[in-house]
Protein backbone atom coordinates (compact mmCIF):
# COMPACT_ATOMS: atom_id res chain seq x y z
CA MET A 1 0.00 0.00 0.00
CA ALA A 2 1.31 3.42 -0.98
CA THR A 3 1.42 6.32 1.46
CA VAL A 4 -0.51 9.57 1.42
CA GLU A 5 2.71 11.40 0.55
CA GLU A 6 3.36 9.09 -2.43
CA CYS A 7 -0.18 9.77 -3.71
CA ARG A 8 0.29 13.51 -3.27
CA GLU A 9 3.63 13.33 -5.11
CA ALA A 10 2.06 11.36 -8.00
CA LEU A 11 -0.66 14.01 -8.34
CA SER A 12 1.99 16.74 -8.37
CA LYS A 13 3.98 14.91 -11.05
CA LEU A 14 0.82 14.52 -13.14
CA ALA A 15 0.15 18.24 -12.76
CA ALA A 16 3.68 19.04 -13.93
CA ARG A 17 3.36 16.68 -16.91
CA LEU A 18 0.00 18.17 -17.91
CA ASP A 19 1.40 21.67 -17.57
CA ALA A 20 4.35 20.81 -19.82
CA ASN A 21 2.07 19.22 -22.44
CA ALA A 22 -0.68 21.86 -22.37
CA GLU A 23 1.03 24.16 -24.86
CA THR A 24 1.85 21.47 -27.43
CA ARG A 25 -1.52 19.74 -27.13
CA GLY A 26 -3.55 22.91 -27.47
CA LYS A 27 -6.05 24.23 -25.00
CA LEU A 28 -8.46 21.56 -23.80
CA ASP A 29 -11.93 22.90 -23.13
CA LEU A 30 -12.35 21.44 -19.65
CA ASP A 31 -12.86 23.49 -16.51
CA ARG A 32 -14.05 21.24 -13.70
CA THR A 33 -13.49 20.52 -10.03
CA LEU A 34 -11.91 17.16 -9.31
CA ALA A 35 -12.00 14.98 -6.20
CA CYS A 36 -9.56 12.10 -5.88
CA ARG A 37 -10.59 9.66 -3.15
CA VAL A 38 -8.24 7.02 -1.77
CA PRO A 39 -10.32 4.77 0.53
CA ASP A 40 -7.53 2.43 1.64
CA LEU A 41 -5.72 5.43 3.15
CA SER A 42 -8.92 7.13 4.35
CA THR A 43 -7.87 10.28 2.54
CA ALA A 44 -8.78 12.44 -0.41
CA PHE A 45 -7.44 15.27 -2.51
CA HIS A 46 -9.17 17.87 -4.59
CA ALA A 47 -8.06 20.12 -7.40
CA ARG A 48 -9.27 21.95 -10.45
CA LEU A 49 -8.83 21.04 -14.10
CA GLU A 50 -8.41 24.19 -16.19
CA GLY A 51 -7.53 24.15 -19.87
CA GLY A 52 -5.74 20.82 -19.70
CA ARG A 53 -3.88 21.69 -16.51
CA LEU A 54 -4.33 20.33 -12.98
CA VAL A 55 -4.12 23.23 -10.52
CA ASP A 56 -4.69 23.97 -6.84
CA ILE A 57 -4.10 20.42 -5.55
CA THR A 58 -5.17 20.35 -1.91
CA ASP A 59 -5.72 17.71 0.76
CA GLY A 60 -9.32 16.88 1.61
CA ASP A 61 -12.44 15.87 -0.27
CA ASP A 62 -14.75 18.05 -2.34
CA PRO A 63 -18.20 16.45 -2.20
CA LYS A 64 -19.45 18.89 -4.86
CA ALA A 65 -16.70 18.05 -7.36
CA LYS A 66 -17.91 17.59 -10.94
CA ILE A 67 -15.43 14.73 -11.46
CA ALA A 68 -14.77 12.14 -8.75
CA LEU A 69 -12.05 9.53 -9.07
CA THR A 70 -11.87 6.72 -6.51
CA ALA A 71 -8.99 4.25 -6.40
CA ALA A 72 -6.80 2.32 -4.00
CA SER A 73 -3.47 4.02 -3.37
CA ASP A 74 -1.37 1.60 -5.46
CA ASP A 75 -3.83 1.75 -8.36
CA LEU A 76 -3.91 5.55 -8.20
CA ILE A 77 -0.14 5.77 -8.43
CA ALA A 78 -0.03 3.23 -11.28
CA LEU A 79 -2.71 5.21 -13.14
CA LEU A 80 -1.06 8.59 -12.63
CA THR A 81 2.39 7.32 -13.63
CA GLY A 82 1.11 5.62 -16.77
CA ARG A 83 1.66 2.03 -15.66
CA LEU A 84 -2.11 1.39 -15.58
CA ASP A 85 -4.33 2.10 -18.59
CA VAL A 86 -7.37 4.15 -17.58
CA THR A 87 -9.78 2.19 -19.79
CA LYS A 88 -8.63 -1.17 -18.43
CA ALA A 89 -8.67 0.19 -14.88
CA ILE A 90 -12.28 1.32 -15.20
CA ALA A 91 -13.33 -1.92 -16.90
CA SER A 92 -11.74 -4.02 -14.15
CA ARG A 93 -13.20 -1.71 -11.47
CA GLN A 94 -9.78 -0.87 -10.07
CA VAL A 95 -10.70 2.77 -10.61
CA SER A 96 -14.09 4.44 -10.46
CA ILE A 97 -14.69 7.76 -12.20
CA LYS A 98 -17.97 9.59 -11.81
CA ALA A 99 -18.34 12.32 -14.39
CA ASN A 100 -20.41 13.55 -17.27
CA PRO A 101 -19.84 11.20 -20.28
CA PHE A 102 -18.49 14.11 -22.36
CA ASP A 103 -16.03 14.97 -19.58
CA LEU A 104 -14.84 11.35 -19.54
CA LEU A 105 -13.97 11.58 -23.21
CA LYS A 106 -11.97 14.75 -22.58
CA LEU A 107 -10.25 13.20 -19.56
CA ARG A 108 -8.95 10.34 -21.71
CA LYS A 109 -6.97 12.91 -23.69
CA LEU A 110 -5.23 13.99 -20.48
CA LEU A 111 -4.29 10.54 -19.17
């Protein structure tokens, strides 16, 4: 099982990667709040997706988030580092994402 700090670091690395790719990929029309829940650690993070970037990553849940991702700590890290394919993770129920179907299609471009 990964630690809270490892999950936080993986989210920060994802944010840096998205930030670096945002200019070359073009602006992605997605401005949503995001909650990332990690039940095996009894913790959560929340952030905001803006134009293909992940900003304002903070500890704690956002029950009103437009996009909610739930995953075990090890699965979250594997997903965020690219070792776990998001489609396969959802199909195998390793990861749960609650979002508008159109937002899901846009999210696939980010991961």
